[in-house]
Amino acid sequence: MDALGADPAVIARARALTPARLDVKHHAVRFEEARLDPRGYDAVTAVAALHHMRLGPALDRLAGAVAPGGTLLVLGLYRETHPADLATSVAALGPQWFIGAGLRLGRSTARLPDLSAVPEAPMRMLDPVETLPQIRAEVARRLPGARVRRLLFWRFSLVWTRTG
């Protein structure tokens, strides 16, 4: 199993927190520069990362690492422009308020790990560029049979399985 991240301090912390039994190889490298085993992974995941890259080439690179019968799983962010986006955001207000209230009251923090010693990852706050219809169209062109679903909190899921 390989884990990629661009920041060496974050990767060092992830390495320290990963149980040895999982046999994870951590790599401090940008995704675009990583050496990926072509069709070498049963599962490839990307969480809130695609909007930091050019969508088409990133999808090709992720999919290229998926083994036959393997799955690509993405949790991504999209730019809101459509009335359905507004409706989803309005629907998310209740859960968003509930989650926030729970965190403020301390109910949900009992199970959260202490993150005070975790180095802060350098981040550029980038708003998503592509809308959900644009993402769906690009995914349909590059990953036939993939499912893209709208989720709450400006997110989408993408699930694709390589045939063969």
N, C-alpha and C. Protein backbone atom coordinates (compact mmCIF):
# COMPACT_ATOMS: atom_id res chain seq x y z
N MET A 1 0.86 -1.16 0.00
CA MET A 1 0.00 0.00 0.00
C MET A 1 0.90 1.23 0.00
N ASP A 2 0.55 2.21 -0.81
CA ASP A 2 1.30 3.46 -0.89
C ASP A 2 0.42 4.62 -0.46
N ALA A 3 1.03 5.57 0.23
CA ALA A 3 0.33 6.80 0.62
C ALA A 3 1.18 7.96 0.12
N LEU A 4 0.55 8.90 -0.57
CA LEU A 4 1.26 10.04 -1.13
C LEU A 4 0.83 11.33 -0.46
N GLY A 5 1.78 12.22 -0.30
CA GLY A 5 1.49 13.56 0.19
C GLY A 5 2.66 14.46 -0.14
N ALA A 6 2.38 15.71 -0.44
CA ALA A 6 3.43 16.62 -0.89
C ALA A 6 4.29 17.16 0.25
N ASP A 7 3.79 17.17 1.48
CA ASP A 7 4.53 17.78 2.58
C ASP A 7 5.28 16.73 3.41
N PRO A 8 6.61 16.82 3.48
CA PRO A 8 7.40 15.82 4.22
C PRO A 8 7.03 15.72 5.70
N ALA A 9 6.69 16.83 6.34
CA ALA A 9 6.34 16.79 7.77
C ALA A 9 5.03 16.03 7.98
N VAL A 10 4.08 16.24 7.12
CA VAL A 10 2.80 15.54 7.22
C VAL A 10 3.00 14.06 6.95
N ILE A 11 3.80 13.72 5.96
CA ILE A 11 4.07 12.32 5.65
C ILE A 11 4.81 11.66 6.82
N ALA A 12 5.75 12.36 7.44
CA ALA A 12 6.47 11.80 8.59
C ALA A 12 5.50 11.51 9.73
N ARG A 13 4.57 12.40 9.97
CA ARG A 13 3.58 12.19 11.03
C ARG A 13 2.65 11.02 10.68
N ALA A 14 2.23 10.94 9.43
CA ALA A 14 1.38 9.82 8.99
C ALA A 14 2.13 8.51 9.16
N ARG A 15 3.40 8.51 8.81
CA ARG A 15 4.22 7.30 8.97
C ARG A 15 4.27 6.88 10.43
N ALA A 16 4.44 7.85 11.32
CA ALA A 16 4.53 7.56 12.76
C ALA A 16 3.21 7.04 13.31
N LEU A 17 2.10 7.47 12.75
CA LEU A 17 0.79 7.07 13.26
C LEU A 17 0.23 5.81 12.61
N THR A 18 0.86 5.33 11.55
CA THR A 18 0.35 4.16 10.84
C THR A 18 0.87 2.88 11.50
N PRO A 19 -0.03 1.99 11.90
CA PRO A 19 0.42 0.71 12.48
C PRO A 19 1.28 -0.07 11.49
N ALA A 20 2.36 -0.67 11.98
CA ALA A 20 3.29 -1.41 11.13
C ALA A 20 2.60 -2.55 10.39
N ARG A 21 1.59 -3.15 11.00
CA ARG A 21 0.91 -4.28 10.38
C ARG A 21 0.24 -3.92 9.06
N LEU A 22 0.03 -2.63 8.81
CA LEU A 22 -0.62 -2.22 7.57
C LEU A 22 0.34 -2.17 6.38
N ASP A 23 1.64 -2.17 6.65
CA ASP A 23 2.65 -2.19 5.59
C ASP A 23 2.41 -1.10 4.54
N VAL A 24 2.35 0.14 5.01
CA VAL A 24 2.14 1.29 4.13
C VAL A 24 3.49 1.93 3.82
N LYS A 25 3.73 2.20 2.55
CA LYS A 25 4.92 2.93 2.14
C LYS A 25 4.48 4.38 1.94
N HIS A 26 5.02 5.28 2.73
CA HIS A 26 4.67 6.70 2.64
C HIS A 26 5.66 7.42 1.73
N HIS A 27 5.14 8.26 0.86
CA HIS A 27 5.98 8.97 -0.10
C HIS A 27 5.69 10.47 -0.01
N ALA A 28 6.71 11.25 0.29
CA ALA A 28 6.57 12.71 0.29
C ALA A 28 6.85 13.20 -1.13
N VAL A 29 5.82 13.25 -1.92
CA VAL A 29 5.96 13.61 -3.33
C VAL A 29 4.63 14.17 -3.84
N ARG A 30 4.74 15.10 -4.76
CA ARG A 30 3.52 15.61 -5.40
C ARG A 30 2.92 14.50 -6.26
N PHE A 31 1.62 14.44 -6.32
CA PHE A 31 0.92 13.40 -7.07
C PHE A 31 1.40 13.33 -8.52
N GLU A 32 1.57 14.49 -9.13
CA GLU A 32 1.97 14.54 -10.54
C GLU A 32 3.36 13.96 -10.75
N GLU A 33 4.19 13.93 -9.72
CA GLU A 33 5.57 13.45 -9.83
C GLU A 33 5.77 12.04 -9.28
N ALA A 34 4.75 11.48 -8.68
CA ALA A 34 4.87 10.17 -8.04
C ALA A 34 5.03 9.07 -9.08
N ARG A 35 5.82 8.07 -8.73
CA ARG A 35 5.95 6.88 -9.58
C ARG A 35 4.89 5.88 -9.15
N LEU A 36 3.90 5.74 -9.98
CA LEU A 36 2.81 4.82 -9.68
C LEU A 36 2.97 3.55 -10.51
N ASP A 37 2.67 2.43 -9.90
CA ASP A 37 2.72 1.16 -10.59
C ASP A 37 1.53 1.09 -11.55
N PRO A 38 1.78 1.11 -12.87
CA PRO A 38 0.66 1.07 -13.81
C PRO A 38 -0.20 -0.17 -13.57
N ARG A 39 -1.49 0.08 -13.39
CA ARG A 39 -2.47 -0.99 -13.13
C ARG A 39 -2.03 -1.87 -11.96
N GLY A 40 -1.39 -1.24 -10.97
CA GLY A 40 -0.83 -2.01 -9.88
C GLY A 40 -1.59 -1.97 -8.57
N TYR A 41 -2.72 -1.27 -8.51
CA TYR A 41 -3.42 -1.09 -7.24
C TYR A 41 -4.85 -1.58 -7.34
N ASP A 42 -5.26 -2.36 -6.36
CA ASP A 42 -6.64 -2.84 -6.30
C ASP A 42 -7.62 -1.72 -5.97
N ALA A 43 -7.14 -0.73 -5.23
CA ALA A 43 -7.96 0.43 -4.90
C ALA A 43 -7.09 1.69 -4.93
N VAL A 44 -7.62 2.72 -5.53
CA VAL A 44 -6.96 4.03 -5.58
C VAL A 44 -7.97 5.03 -5.06
N THR A 45 -7.55 5.88 -4.13
CA THR A 45 -8.46 6.86 -3.56
C THR A 45 -7.88 8.27 -3.67
N ALA A 46 -8.76 9.24 -3.72
CA ALA A 46 -8.38 10.65 -3.68
C ALA A 46 -9.47 11.37 -2.89
N VAL A 47 -9.07 12.07 -1.85
CA VAL A 47 -10.03 12.77 -0.99
C VAL A 47 -9.72 14.26 -1.02
N ALA A 48 -10.68 15.03 -1.52
CA ALA A 48 -10.56 16.50 -1.58
C ALA A 48 -9.25 16.93 -2.21
N ALA A 49 -8.86 16.27 -3.29
CA ALA A 49 -7.59 16.56 -3.93
C ALA A 49 -7.73 17.00 -5.39
N LEU A 50 -8.73 16.49 -6.08
CA LEU A 50 -8.83 16.74 -7.52
C LEU A 50 -8.96 18.22 -7.87
N HIS A 51 -9.59 19.00 -7.02
CA HIS A 51 -9.78 20.41 -7.37
C HIS A 51 -8.46 21.20 -7.27
N HIS A 52 -7.39 20.55 -6.81
CA HIS A 52 -6.07 21.18 -6.78
C HIS A 52 -5.27 20.86 -8.05
N MET A 53 -5.85 20.07 -8.95
CA MET A 53 -5.14 19.62 -10.15
C MET A 53 -6.00 19.83 -11.38
N ARG A 54 -5.38 19.66 -12.54
CA ARG A 54 -6.16 19.67 -13.78
C ARG A 54 -6.94 18.37 -13.82
N LEU A 55 -8.24 18.48 -13.93
CA LEU A 55 -9.13 17.33 -13.76
C LEU A 55 -8.84 16.19 -14.72
N GLY A 56 -8.81 16.44 -16.00
CA GLY A 56 -8.63 15.37 -16.98
C GLY A 56 -7.35 14.58 -16.77
N PRO A 57 -6.19 15.24 -16.74
CA PRO A 57 -4.95 14.49 -16.51
C PRO A 57 -4.91 13.78 -15.16
N ALA A 58 -5.50 14.36 -14.14
CA ALA A 58 -5.52 13.71 -12.83
C ALA A 58 -6.37 12.44 -12.88
N LEU A 59 -7.52 12.51 -13.54
CA LEU A 59 -8.36 11.31 -13.67
C LEU A 59 -7.62 10.21 -14.44
N ASP A 60 -6.94 10.60 -15.52
CA ASP A 60 -6.19 9.62 -16.30
C ASP A 60 -5.10 8.96 -15.44
N ARG A 61 -4.41 9.76 -14.66
CA ARG A 61 -3.31 9.24 -13.83
C ARG A 61 -3.84 8.32 -12.74
N LEU A 62 -4.92 8.72 -12.08
CA LEU A 62 -5.51 7.87 -11.05
C LEU A 62 -6.01 6.55 -11.66
N ALA A 63 -6.74 6.65 -12.76
CA ALA A 63 -7.30 5.46 -13.40
C ALA A 63 -6.20 4.55 -13.92
N GLY A 64 -5.11 5.14 -14.38
CA GLY A 64 -4.00 4.34 -14.91
C GLY A 64 -3.35 3.46 -13.86
N ALA A 65 -3.52 3.79 -12.60
CA ALA A 65 -2.93 3.00 -11.51
C ALA A 65 -3.84 1.88 -11.04
N VAL A 66 -5.09 1.85 -11.51
CA VAL A 66 -6.06 0.86 -11.04
C VAL A 66 -5.87 -0.46 -11.80
N ALA A 67 -5.74 -1.54 -11.04
CA ALA A 67 -5.59 -2.88 -11.61
C ALA A 67 -6.91 -3.36 -12.20
N PRO A 68 -6.86 -4.31 -13.13
CA PRO A 68 -8.10 -4.90 -13.63
C PRO A 68 -8.93 -5.46 -12.48
N GLY A 69 -10.19 -5.08 -12.44
CA GLY A 69 -11.07 -5.48 -11.35
C GLY A 69 -10.98 -4.55 -10.15
N GLY A 70 -10.02 -3.61 -10.18
CA GLY A 70 -9.83 -2.67 -9.08
C GLY A 70 -10.77 -1.48 -9.19
N THR A 71 -10.77 -0.66 -8.15
CA THR A 71 -11.72 0.44 -8.06
C THR A 71 -11.03 1.76 -7.76
N LEU A 72 -11.50 2.80 -8.41
CA LEU A 72 -11.09 4.18 -8.13
C LEU A 72 -12.22 4.82 -7.33
N LEU A 73 -11.88 5.38 -6.19
CA LEU A 73 -12.86 6.05 -5.31
C LEU A 73 -12.40 7.48 -5.08
N VAL A 74 -13.26 8.43 -5.38
CA VAL A 74 -12.91 9.84 -5.22
C VAL A 74 -14.00 10.53 -4.41
N LEU A 75 -13.57 11.33 -3.45
CA LEU A 75 -14.45 12.27 -2.78
C LEU A 75 -13.92 13.65 -3.17
N GLY A 76 -14.69 14.39 -3.94
CA GLY A 76 -14.21 15.66 -4.48
C GLY A 76 -15.14 16.81 -4.19
N LEU A 77 -14.69 17.98 -4.58
CA LEU A 77 -15.47 19.20 -4.42
C LEU A 77 -15.80 19.77 -5.80
N TYR A 78 -16.96 20.39 -5.92
CA TYR A 78 -17.36 21.00 -7.18
C TYR A 78 -17.80 22.44 -6.93
N ARG A 79 -17.79 23.23 -8.02
CA ARG A 79 -18.22 24.63 -7.95
C ARG A 79 -19.73 24.69 -8.13
N GLU A 80 -20.36 25.38 -7.23
CA GLU A 80 -21.82 25.49 -7.28
C GLU A 80 -22.25 26.57 -8.28
N THR A 81 -23.15 26.19 -9.19
CA THR A 81 -23.70 27.15 -10.16
C THR A 81 -25.15 26.86 -10.51
N HIS A 82 -25.59 25.66 -10.28
CA HIS A 82 -26.89 25.19 -10.74
C HIS A 82 -27.92 25.32 -9.62
N PRO A 83 -29.20 25.50 -9.96
CA PRO A 83 -30.24 25.53 -8.91
C PRO A 83 -30.22 24.29 -8.01
N ALA A 84 -29.88 23.14 -8.57
CA ALA A 84 -29.80 21.93 -7.74
C ALA A 84 -28.68 22.05 -6.70
N ASP A 85 -27.62 22.79 -7.05
CA ASP A 85 -26.53 23.02 -6.09
C ASP A 85 -27.06 23.82 -4.89
N LEU A 86 -27.84 24.85 -5.18
CA LEU A 86 -28.42 25.68 -4.12
C LEU A 86 -29.36 24.84 -3.25
N ALA A 87 -30.18 24.02 -3.89
CA ALA A 87 -31.10 23.16 -3.13
C ALA A 87 -30.34 22.21 -2.21
N THR A 88 -29.25 21.65 -2.70
CA THR A 88 -28.44 20.74 -1.88
C THR A 88 -27.80 21.50 -0.73
N SER A 89 -27.33 22.72 -0.99
CA SER A 89 -26.73 23.52 0.08
C SER A 89 -27.75 23.87 1.15
N VAL A 90 -28.95 24.18 0.73
CA VAL A 90 -30.02 24.48 1.69
C VAL A 90 -30.34 23.22 2.51
N ALA A 91 -30.39 22.08 1.83
CA ALA A 91 -30.65 20.82 2.54
C ALA A 91 -29.54 20.49 3.53
N ALA A 92 -28.33 20.97 3.27
CA ALA A 92 -27.19 20.69 4.15
C ALA A 92 -27.16 21.59 5.38
N LEU A 93 -27.95 22.65 5.40
CA LEU A 93 -27.91 23.58 6.53
C LEU A 93 -28.24 22.89 7.85
N GLY A 94 -29.25 22.03 7.85
CA GLY A 94 -29.62 21.33 9.08
C GLY A 94 -28.49 20.44 9.59
N PRO A 95 -27.98 19.52 8.75
CA PRO A 95 -26.86 18.69 9.21
C PRO A 95 -25.63 19.52 9.59
N GLN A 96 -25.37 20.58 8.84
CA GLN A 96 -24.21 21.42 9.13
C GLN A 96 -24.36 22.07 10.51
N TRP A 97 -25.53 22.58 10.79
CA TRP A 97 -25.77 23.19 12.09
C TRP A 97 -25.66 22.14 13.20
N PHE A 98 -26.24 20.97 12.97
CA PHE A 98 -26.22 19.90 13.97
C PHE A 98 -24.78 19.46 14.28
N ILE A 99 -23.99 19.26 13.23
CA ILE A 99 -22.59 18.85 13.43
C ILE A 99 -21.83 19.95 14.17
N GLY A 100 -22.00 21.18 13.76
CA GLY A 100 -21.33 22.30 14.42
C GLY A 100 -21.74 22.43 15.87
N ALA A 101 -23.03 22.28 16.15
CA ALA A 101 -23.49 22.38 17.54
C ALA A 101 -22.91 21.25 18.37
N GLY A 102 -22.86 20.06 17.83
CA GLY A 102 -22.28 18.93 18.56
C GLY A 102 -20.82 19.15 18.88
N LEU A 103 -20.08 19.70 17.93
CA LEU A 103 -18.67 19.97 18.18
C LEU A 103 -18.50 21.07 19.22
N ARG A 104 -19.35 22.10 19.15
CA ARG A 104 -19.24 23.18 20.13
C ARG A 104 -19.58 22.70 21.53
N LEU A 105 -20.49 21.77 21.63
CA LEU A 105 -20.88 21.26 22.94
C LEU A 105 -19.92 20.19 23.46
N GLY A 106 -19.00 19.76 22.61
CA GLY A 106 -18.02 18.78 23.03
C GLY A 106 -18.48 17.34 22.96
N ARG A 107 -19.68 17.11 22.49
CA ARG A 107 -20.19 15.73 22.42
C ARG A 107 -19.42 14.89 21.41
N SER A 108 -19.09 15.47 20.29
CA SER A 108 -18.43 14.70 19.23
C SER A 108 -16.93 14.62 19.40
N THR A 109 -16.34 15.47 20.24
CA THR A 109 -14.89 15.51 20.34
C THR A 109 -14.32 14.39 21.18
N ALA A 110 -15.14 13.68 21.95
CA ALA A 110 -14.63 12.62 22.80
C ALA A 110 -13.96 11.51 21.99
N ARG A 111 -14.43 11.28 20.79
CA ARG A 111 -13.87 10.20 19.97
C ARG A 111 -12.83 10.69 18.96
N LEU A 112 -12.61 11.98 18.89
CA LEU A 112 -11.65 12.51 17.93
C LEU A 112 -10.24 12.42 18.50
N PRO A 113 -9.24 12.10 17.66
CA PRO A 113 -7.86 12.05 18.16
C PRO A 113 -7.34 13.45 18.46
N ASP A 114 -6.34 13.51 19.32
CA ASP A 114 -5.71 14.78 19.64
C ASP A 114 -4.83 15.16 18.45
N LEU A 115 -5.17 16.22 17.78
CA LEU A 115 -4.44 16.64 16.60
C LEU A 115 -3.48 17.79 16.88
N SER A 116 -3.27 18.11 18.14
CA SER A 116 -2.43 19.25 18.47
C SER A 116 -0.99 19.04 18.03
N ALA A 117 -0.51 17.81 17.97
CA ALA A 117 0.87 17.54 17.59
C ALA A 117 1.03 17.28 16.09
N VAL A 118 -0.07 17.28 15.35
CA VAL A 118 0.01 17.02 13.92
C VAL A 118 0.45 18.29 13.21
N PRO A 119 1.49 18.19 12.38
CA PRO A 119 1.91 19.39 11.66
C PRO A 119 0.82 19.86 10.72
N GLU A 120 0.72 21.14 10.60
CA GLU A 120 -0.29 21.69 9.71
C GLU A 120 0.19 21.59 8.27
N ALA A 121 -0.61 21.00 7.44
CA ALA A 121 -0.24 20.85 6.04
C ALA A 121 -0.31 22.20 5.34
N PRO A 122 0.72 22.52 4.58
CA PRO A 122 0.63 23.77 3.81
C PRO A 122 -0.45 23.61 2.76
N MET A 123 -1.37 24.54 2.73
CA MET A 123 -2.49 24.44 1.80
C MET A 123 -2.71 25.75 1.10
N ARG A 124 -3.07 25.63 -0.13
CA ARG A 124 -3.57 26.78 -0.85
C ARG A 124 -5.07 26.59 -0.91
N MET A 125 -5.80 27.53 -0.40
CA MET A 125 -7.25 27.41 -0.43
C MET A 125 -7.71 27.69 -1.86
N LEU A 126 -8.04 26.64 -2.54
CA LEU A 126 -8.50 26.76 -3.91
C LEU A 126 -9.96 26.38 -3.99
N ASP A 127 -10.74 27.28 -4.52
CA ASP A 127 -12.13 26.93 -4.77
C ASP A 127 -12.17 26.01 -5.98
N PRO A 128 -13.09 25.07 -5.99
CA PRO A 128 -13.21 24.20 -7.16
C PRO A 128 -13.50 25.01 -8.41
N VAL A 129 -12.94 24.59 -9.52
CA VAL A 129 -13.14 25.27 -10.80
C VAL A 129 -14.31 24.67 -11.55
N GLU A 130 -14.38 23.33 -11.60
CA GLU A 130 -15.39 22.65 -12.40
C GLU A 130 -16.72 22.53 -11.65
N THR A 131 -17.79 22.67 -12.42
CA THR A 131 -19.12 22.43 -11.89
C THR A 131 -19.38 20.93 -11.91
N LEU A 132 -20.42 20.50 -11.24
CA LEU A 132 -20.74 19.07 -11.25
C LEU A 132 -21.05 18.55 -12.65
N PRO A 133 -21.82 19.28 -13.47
CA PRO A 133 -22.02 18.80 -14.85
C PRO A 133 -20.71 18.69 -15.65
N GLN A 134 -19.79 19.62 -15.43
CA GLN A 134 -18.50 19.54 -16.12
C GLN A 134 -17.71 18.32 -15.66
N ILE A 135 -17.73 18.06 -14.36
CA ILE A 135 -17.03 16.89 -13.81
C ILE A 135 -17.65 15.62 -14.38
N ARG A 136 -18.98 15.57 -14.38
CA ARG A 136 -19.64 14.37 -14.91
C ARG A 136 -19.29 14.14 -16.37
N ALA A 137 -19.24 15.21 -17.16
CA ALA A 137 -18.91 15.07 -18.58
C ALA A 137 -17.47 14.58 -18.76
N GLU A 138 -16.55 15.13 -18.00
CA GLU A 138 -15.14 14.72 -18.10
C GLU A 138 -14.97 13.27 -17.66
N VAL A 139 -15.64 12.90 -16.58
CA VAL A 139 -15.57 11.52 -16.10
C VAL A 139 -16.16 10.57 -17.14
N ALA A 140 -17.28 10.93 -17.75
CA ALA A 140 -17.91 10.07 -18.76
C ALA A 140 -16.99 9.86 -19.95
N ARG A 141 -16.24 10.91 -20.34
CA ARG A 141 -15.30 10.79 -21.46
C ARG A 141 -14.13 9.86 -21.12
N ARG A 142 -13.66 9.94 -19.90
CA ARG A 142 -12.42 9.24 -19.54
C ARG A 142 -12.63 7.91 -18.82
N LEU A 143 -13.75 7.78 -18.12
CA LEU A 143 -13.98 6.59 -17.29
C LEU A 143 -15.38 6.04 -17.55
N PRO A 144 -15.59 5.40 -18.70
CA PRO A 144 -16.93 4.87 -19.00
C PRO A 144 -17.41 3.94 -17.89
N GLY A 145 -18.67 4.14 -17.52
CA GLY A 145 -19.27 3.31 -16.48
C GLY A 145 -19.10 3.85 -15.07
N ALA A 146 -18.37 4.94 -14.92
CA ALA A 146 -18.17 5.52 -13.57
C ALA A 146 -19.48 6.13 -13.07
N ARG A 147 -19.67 6.11 -11.75
CA ARG A 147 -20.82 6.76 -11.12
C ARG A 147 -20.34 8.01 -10.39
N VAL A 148 -20.97 9.12 -10.68
CA VAL A 148 -20.68 10.38 -9.99
C VAL A 148 -21.97 10.80 -9.29
N ARG A 149 -21.89 11.00 -7.99
CA ARG A 149 -23.09 11.38 -7.22
C ARG A 149 -22.85 12.68 -6.47
N ARG A 150 -23.88 13.50 -6.45
CA ARG A 150 -23.85 14.74 -5.67
C ARG A 150 -24.01 14.38 -4.20
N LEU A 151 -23.19 14.98 -3.35
CA LEU A 151 -23.28 14.79 -1.91
C LEU A 151 -23.52 16.14 -1.24
N LEU A 152 -23.79 16.10 0.04
CA LEU A 152 -23.92 17.35 0.79
C LEU A 152 -22.55 18.02 0.94
N PHE A 153 -22.57 19.28 1.33
CA PHE A 153 -21.37 20.07 1.61
C PHE A 153 -20.48 20.21 0.38
N TRP A 154 -21.06 20.50 -0.78
CA TRP A 154 -20.34 20.82 -2.02
C TRP A 154 -19.43 19.70 -2.49
N ARG A 155 -19.78 18.48 -2.19
CA ARG A 155 -18.93 17.35 -2.53
C ARG A 155 -19.63 16.39 -3.50
N PHE A 156 -18.80 15.60 -4.14
CA PHE A 156 -19.32 14.54 -5.00
C PHE A 156 -18.50 13.28 -4.73
N SER A 157 -19.10 12.15 -5.06
CA SER A 157 -18.36 10.89 -5.02
C SER A 157 -18.26 10.36 -6.44
N LEU A 158 -17.15 9.71 -6.70
CA LEU A 158 -16.90 9.07 -7.99
C LEU A 158 -16.45 7.65 -7.68
N VAL A 159 -17.10 6.68 -8.31
CA VAL A 159 -16.72 5.28 -8.16
C VAL A 159 -16.60 4.69 -9.56
N TRP A 160 -15.45 4.10 -9.84
CA TRP A 160 -15.19 3.49 -11.13
C TRP A 160 -14.42 2.20 -10.92
N THR A 161 -14.85 1.14 -11.59
CA THR A 161 -14.15 -0.14 -11.53
C THR A 161 -13.61 -0.47 -12.91
N ARG A 162 -12.30 -0.79 -12.95
CA ARG A 162 -11.68 -1.19 -14.22
C ARG A 162 -12.14 -2.61 -14.55
N THR A 163 -12.64 -2.80 -15.75
CA THR A 163 -13.07 -4.14 -16.16
C THR A 163 -11.85 -4.98 -16.53
N GLY A 164 -12.09 -6.26 -16.69
CA GLY A 164 -11.01 -7.13 -17.14
C GLY A 164 -10.42 -7.86 -16.00
